[in-house]
Amino acid sequence: MISTSADLTRKSLLNINDSSNGALLLEVIEERIISSLGDKPNSSISEIAKDLRVNRSTASKYLHVLRAKKKVAFRQVGPVKLWSLEEQ
């Protein structure tokens, strides 16, 4: 069976999680979200989740953590939150 990059990403994230190092997993996902928003500002949670290949609720959780750290912000457009990097 041939592994795709998505499979390898999932496996590497699972291995990080299995090593009981939650802080490292947090940093990896946060860095990936910041990178994604740097490439595609004003993204919805669904778009970010698809780009990172994680569950929508996982992306939402980490976006709110980054918001608390004042690294990202969102603006509400109807029912959708559009996320972008916090202006420094």
Protein backbone atom coordinates (compact mmCIF):
# COMPACT_ATOMS: atom_id res chain seq x y z
CA MET A 1 0.00 0.00 0.00
CA ILE A 2 1.30 3.44 -0.94
CA SER A 3 1.11 6.14 1.75
CA THR A 4 0.01 9.61 0.74
CA SER A 5 1.29 12.79 2.36
CA ALA A 6 -2.05 13.07 4.18
CA ASP A 7 -1.55 9.59 5.65
CA LEU A 8 1.98 10.46 6.71
CA THR A 9 0.82 13.71 8.31
CA ARG A 10 -1.90 11.89 10.25
CA LYS A 11 0.53 9.18 11.34
CA SER A 12 3.11 11.72 12.49
CA LEU A 13 0.47 13.62 14.47
CA LEU A 14 -0.74 10.39 16.03
CA ASN A 15 2.82 9.42 16.96
CA ILE A 16 3.34 12.80 18.62
CA ASN A 17 0.08 12.34 20.52
CA ASP A 18 0.97 8.76 21.49
CA SER A 19 4.25 9.93 22.99
CA SER A 20 2.19 11.72 25.68
CA ASN A 21 3.71 15.04 24.73
CA GLY A 22 0.57 17.15 24.34
CA ALA A 23 2.54 20.40 24.39
CA LEU A 24 4.45 19.35 21.28
CA LEU A 25 1.21 18.44 19.49
CA LEU A 26 -0.20 21.84 20.43
CA GLU A 27 2.84 23.60 18.98
CA VAL A 28 2.74 21.58 15.75
CA ILE A 29 -0.94 22.30 15.11
CA GLU A 30 -0.57 25.96 16.10
CA GLU A 31 2.35 26.38 13.69
CA ARG A 32 0.39 24.70 10.91
CA ILE A 33 -2.63 26.98 11.52
CA ILE A 34 -0.45 30.09 11.52
CA SER A 35 1.23 28.95 8.31
CA SER A 36 -2.14 28.22 6.70
CA LEU A 37 -3.53 31.64 7.66
CA GLY A 38 -0.35 33.29 6.39
CA ASP A 39 -0.99 31.70 3.00
CA LYS A 40 -4.77 32.09 3.02
CA PRO A 41 -6.02 34.90 5.29
CA ASN A 42 -9.75 35.19 6.00
CA SER A 43 -10.30 31.42 6.05
CA SER A 44 -13.25 29.69 7.69
CA ILE A 45 -12.77 26.96 10.27
CA SER A 46 -13.82 24.39 7.66
CA GLU A 47 -11.22 25.64 5.19
CA ILE A 48 -8.49 25.55 7.84
CA ALA A 49 -9.52 22.06 8.98
CA LYS A 50 -9.46 20.82 5.38
CA ASP A 51 -6.04 22.40 4.76
CA LEU A 52 -4.60 20.83 7.95
CA ARG A 53 -6.45 17.55 7.43
CA VAL A 54 -7.90 17.60 10.94
CA ASN A 55 -11.42 17.45 12.28
CA ARG A 56 -13.34 20.74 12.23
CA SER A 57 -13.77 20.70 16.02
CA THR A 58 -10.00 20.22 16.46
CA ALA A 59 -9.28 23.22 14.23
CA SER A 60 -11.85 25.28 16.14
CA LYS A 61 -10.32 24.38 19.50
CA TYR A 62 -6.82 25.38 18.42
CA LEU A 63 -8.03 28.57 16.74
CA HIS A 64 -9.63 29.65 20.00
CA VAL A 65 -6.41 28.84 21.89
CA LEU A 66 -4.48 30.99 19.40
CA ARG A 67 -7.07 33.75 19.79
CA ALA A 68 -6.53 33.72 23.55
CA LYS A 69 -2.79 34.07 22.87
CA LYS A 70 -3.64 37.03 20.57
CA LYS A 71 -2.02 35.39 17.55
CA VAL A 72 -5.20 35.15 15.43
CA ALA A 73 -8.44 37.05 15.15
CA PHE A 74 -11.75 36.54 13.42
CA ARG A 75 -14.51 38.62 11.99
CA GLN A 76 -18.08 37.42 11.83
CA VAL A 77 -19.67 37.44 8.37
CA GLY A 78 -23.21 36.15 8.76
CA PRO A 79 -22.94 32.69 10.33
CA VAL A 80 -19.26 32.28 9.36
CA LYS A 81 -16.15 33.32 11.30
CA LEU A 82 -13.31 34.31 8.99
CA TRP A 83 -9.96 33.83 10.69
CA SER A 84 -6.71 35.67 10.00
CA LEU A 85 -3.43 36.42 11.72
CA GLU A 86 -3.58 39.10 14.40
CA GLU A 87 -2.07 42.35 13.23
CA GLN A 88 0.95 43.18 15.33
